[in-house]
Amino acid sequence: MRSLLLVALAVCCAGELKIPQMPRKISRLDRQALGRYLRDLGYDPTERENGSAYLTVLDDNGGKKIIDMAWSDHDTLVLRSAWNSPHTELGDLPIVNTWNQRYRFAKVSIQDNTSDEPGNTVMIMHMDQFLPTDSGEDMVKDIVKRSIEIYKISMLAFDKFVIEVYTQAQKKQKEKEEGEQY
């Protein structure tokens, strides 16, 4: 009884007892949420009928790059971009392997190009980010924002990396050809 009185006295003397608000939990990430989150974060997404969305990003030279995004398993954000291989004689495998060894958080894979251009491949960068939906909508939005920022940096870095590798390879090939002429 005495301890109950002490608790009541402490509550009365301390004033209003504030109970912290619990974050609004997300039961699952639905199709409409991705576009809404991106707009809330200040992006201007283009939404597709299947629920995915994409952002158009400009590189240093004003070229357009696409970041394609979708939910996976209702708790993961998947980000992807693709490049047509600019060089048919030089294989993409060494470039992709080097990138994947150095930058493990945004992996690149190689796929056959389905276009009519023979020999070219498509390099696809992908990053999956788990979203703790039980941590609340604000936390999920923050992780989405940071994931996009990290991915954008990675995508532009890979673009520069590929250009540098191909430029060096072309330079070596030209030197080799010039050396064979003499």
Protein backbone atom coordinates (compact mmCIF):
# COMPACT_ATOMS: atom_id res chain seq x y z
CA MET A 1 0.00 0.00 0.00
CA ARG A 2 2.83 2.34 0.92
CA SER A 3 4.57 1.80 -2.46
CA LEU A 4 1.31 2.47 -4.30
CA LEU A 5 0.97 5.80 -2.47
CA LEU A 6 4.55 6.72 -3.33
CA VAL A 7 3.92 6.02 -7.03
CA ALA A 8 0.71 8.09 -6.97
CA LEU A 9 2.54 10.93 -5.21
CA ALA A 10 5.40 10.80 -7.71
CA VAL A 11 3.00 10.94 -10.65
CA CYS A 12 1.10 13.88 -9.17
CA CYS A 13 4.26 15.82 -8.36
CA ALA A 14 5.93 15.09 -11.69
CA GLY A 15 3.05 16.53 -13.70
CA GLU A 16 1.72 14.98 -16.85
CA LEU A 17 3.20 11.62 -17.68
CA LYS A 18 4.15 11.52 -21.37
CA ILE A 19 4.07 8.17 -23.11
CA PRO A 20 6.23 8.09 -26.23
CA GLN A 21 4.39 7.57 -29.50
CA MET A 22 5.04 4.22 -31.13
CA PRO A 23 6.01 4.43 -34.81
CA ARG A 24 3.25 3.67 -37.28
CA LYS A 25 3.98 0.11 -38.35
CA ILE A 26 3.70 -0.98 -41.94
CA SER A 27 2.20 -4.40 -42.40
CA ARG A 28 3.50 -4.66 -45.97
CA LEU A 29 4.81 -2.41 -48.69
CA ASP A 30 2.08 -2.13 -51.29
CA ARG A 31 2.22 -0.98 -54.90
CA GLN A 32 1.04 2.55 -54.19
CA ALA A 33 3.52 3.11 -51.36
CA LEU A 34 6.63 3.27 -53.54
CA GLY A 35 5.45 6.20 -55.67
CA ARG A 36 4.04 7.96 -52.60
CA TYR A 37 7.31 7.55 -50.65
CA LEU A 38 9.36 8.81 -53.59
CA ARG A 39 7.15 11.89 -54.01
CA ASP A 40 7.24 12.54 -50.23
CA LEU A 41 11.05 12.43 -50.44
CA GLY A 42 11.09 15.05 -53.20
CA TYR A 43 11.63 12.76 -56.19
CA ASP A 44 9.57 12.82 -59.38
CA PRO A 45 9.08 9.12 -60.15
CA THR A 46 7.56 7.64 -63.25
CA GLU A 47 5.26 4.85 -62.13
CA ARG A 48 4.48 1.72 -64.10
CA GLU A 49 1.28 -0.33 -64.07
CA ASN A 50 3.03 -3.22 -62.31
CA GLY A 51 3.75 -1.06 -59.25
CA SER A 52 7.41 -0.41 -59.98
CA ALA A 53 8.75 3.08 -60.50
CA TYR A 54 11.82 4.65 -61.98
CA LEU A 55 13.82 7.83 -61.62
CA THR A 56 15.78 9.53 -64.35
CA VAL A 57 19.18 10.76 -63.19
CA LEU A 58 21.64 12.88 -65.16
CA ASP A 59 25.31 11.94 -65.24
CA ASP A 60 28.19 14.45 -65.33
CA ASN A 61 27.89 14.75 -69.11
CA GLY A 62 24.13 15.34 -69.11
CA GLY A 63 23.36 11.78 -70.17
CA LYS A 64 20.25 10.17 -68.75
CA LYS A 65 20.50 7.15 -66.48
CA ILE A 66 17.52 5.21 -65.19
CA ILE A 67 17.11 3.78 -61.69
CA ASP A 68 14.35 1.20 -61.75
CA MET A 69 12.79 0.41 -58.35
CA ALA A 70 10.31 -2.12 -57.01
CA TRP A 71 9.33 -3.85 -53.78
CA SER A 72 10.39 -7.46 -53.37
CA ASP A 73 8.75 -9.76 -50.83
CA HIS A 74 6.97 -6.72 -49.35
CA ASP A 75 9.99 -5.82 -47.19
CA THR A 76 12.84 -5.15 -49.62
CA LEU A 77 13.57 -2.29 -52.01
CA VAL A 78 15.20 -3.46 -55.24
CA LEU A 79 17.12 -0.91 -57.33
CA ARG A 80 18.38 -1.74 -60.85
CA SER A 81 20.02 -0.04 -63.82
CA ALA A 82 21.25 -1.38 -67.16
CA TRP A 83 23.97 -0.50 -69.66
CA ASN A 84 24.43 -1.73 -73.18
CA SER A 85 28.02 -2.83 -73.47
CA PRO A 86 29.81 -0.22 -75.60
CA HIS A 87 32.50 -2.58 -76.84
CA THR A 88 31.88 -5.89 -78.58
CA GLU A 89 35.51 -7.06 -78.83
CA LEU A 90 36.39 -6.53 -75.18
CA GLY A 91 34.63 -8.92 -72.84
CA ASP A 92 32.57 -7.53 -69.98
CA LEU A 93 33.44 -10.29 -67.53
CA PRO A 94 36.77 -8.81 -66.32
CA ILE A 95 35.15 -5.42 -65.81
CA VAL A 96 32.21 -6.85 -63.92
CA ASN A 97 34.42 -9.10 -61.78
CA THR A 98 36.71 -6.20 -60.86
CA TRP A 99 33.76 -4.01 -59.93
CA ASN A 100 32.07 -6.72 -57.86
CA GLN A 101 35.28 -7.42 -55.94
CA ARG A 102 35.83 -3.75 -55.12
CA TYR A 103 32.25 -2.58 -54.58
CA ARG A 104 30.27 -5.45 -53.10
CA PHE A 105 27.18 -3.47 -52.07
CA ALA A 106 25.99 -2.77 -55.64
CA LYS A 107 26.58 -5.85 -57.76
CA VAL A 108 26.72 -5.99 -61.54
CA SER A 109 25.76 -8.95 -63.70
CA ILE A 110 25.92 -9.64 -67.42
CA GLN A 111 22.98 -10.67 -69.57
CA ASP A 112 22.64 -11.30 -73.27
CA ASN A 113 21.26 -8.35 -75.15
CA THR A 114 17.84 -9.13 -76.52
CA SER A 115 18.01 -6.37 -79.12
CA ASP A 116 18.81 -6.93 -82.78
CA GLU A 117 22.44 -5.86 -82.28
CA PRO A 118 24.51 -9.06 -82.29
CA GLY A 119 27.36 -9.52 -79.85
CA ASN A 120 26.51 -6.80 -77.39
CA THR A 121 25.63 -7.65 -73.82
CA VAL A 122 23.76 -5.78 -71.13
CA MET A 123 25.40 -5.06 -67.79
CA ILE A 124 22.87 -4.77 -64.96
CA MET A 125 23.62 -3.19 -61.59
CA HIS A 126 21.37 -4.26 -58.74
CA MET A 127 21.11 -3.53 -55.06
CA ASP A 128 18.58 -4.96 -52.62
CA GLN A 129 17.85 -3.13 -49.38
CA PHE A 130 15.90 -4.77 -46.56
CA LEU A 131 13.39 -2.39 -44.96
CA PRO A 132 12.42 -3.03 -41.32
CA THR A 133 8.72 -2.31 -41.78
CA ASP A 134 8.01 -2.81 -38.08
CA SER A 135 10.22 0.23 -37.33
CA GLY A 136 7.66 2.58 -38.79
CA GLU A 137 7.02 4.57 -41.93
CA ASP A 138 9.50 7.36 -41.13
CA MET A 139 12.34 4.85 -40.73
CA VAL A 140 11.39 3.10 -43.97
CA LYS A 141 11.30 6.40 -45.87
CA ASP A 142 14.70 7.35 -44.46
CA ILE A 143 16.20 4.04 -45.55
CA VAL A 144 14.62 4.38 -49.01
CA LYS A 145 16.10 7.88 -49.35
CA ARG A 146 19.58 6.79 -48.25
CA SER A 147 19.45 3.69 -50.46
CA ILE A 148 18.63 5.81 -53.51
CA GLU A 149 21.47 8.22 -52.69
CA ILE A 150 23.98 5.39 -52.27
CA TYR A 151 22.75 3.63 -55.39
CA LYS A 152 22.89 6.81 -57.46
CA ILE A 153 26.52 7.37 -56.43
CA SER A 154 27.32 3.73 -57.23
CA MET A 155 25.57 3.85 -60.59
CA LEU A 156 27.42 6.98 -61.70
CA ALA A 157 30.73 5.57 -60.40
CA PHE A 158 30.19 2.35 -62.37
CA ASP A 159 29.41 4.37 -65.48
CA LYS A 160 32.73 6.24 -65.13
CA PHE A 161 34.54 2.98 -64.30
CA VAL A 162 33.29 1.30 -67.49
CA ILE A 163 34.20 4.31 -69.63
CA GLU A 164 37.72 4.44 -68.14
CA VAL A 165 38.30 0.71 -68.65
CA TYR A 166 37.09 0.81 -72.26
CA THR A 167 39.11 3.95 -73.00
CA GLN A 168 42.28 2.32 -71.62
CA ALA A 169 41.59 -0.88 -73.57
CA GLN A 170 41.07 1.06 -76.81
CA LYS A 171 44.28 3.00 -76.21
CA LYS A 172 46.24 -0.25 -75.65
CA GLN A 173 44.67 -1.81 -78.74
CA LYS A 174 45.60 1.24 -80.85
CA GLU A 175 49.20 1.18 -79.52
CA LYS A 176 49.40 -2.54 -80.31
CA GLU A 177 48.11 -2.01 -83.85
CA GLU A 178 50.52 0.89 -84.43
CA GLY A 179 53.40 -1.22 -83.14
CA GLU A 180 52.54 -4.04 -85.54
CA GLN A 181 52.59 -1.68 -88.51
CA TYR A 182 56.34 -0.98 -88.11
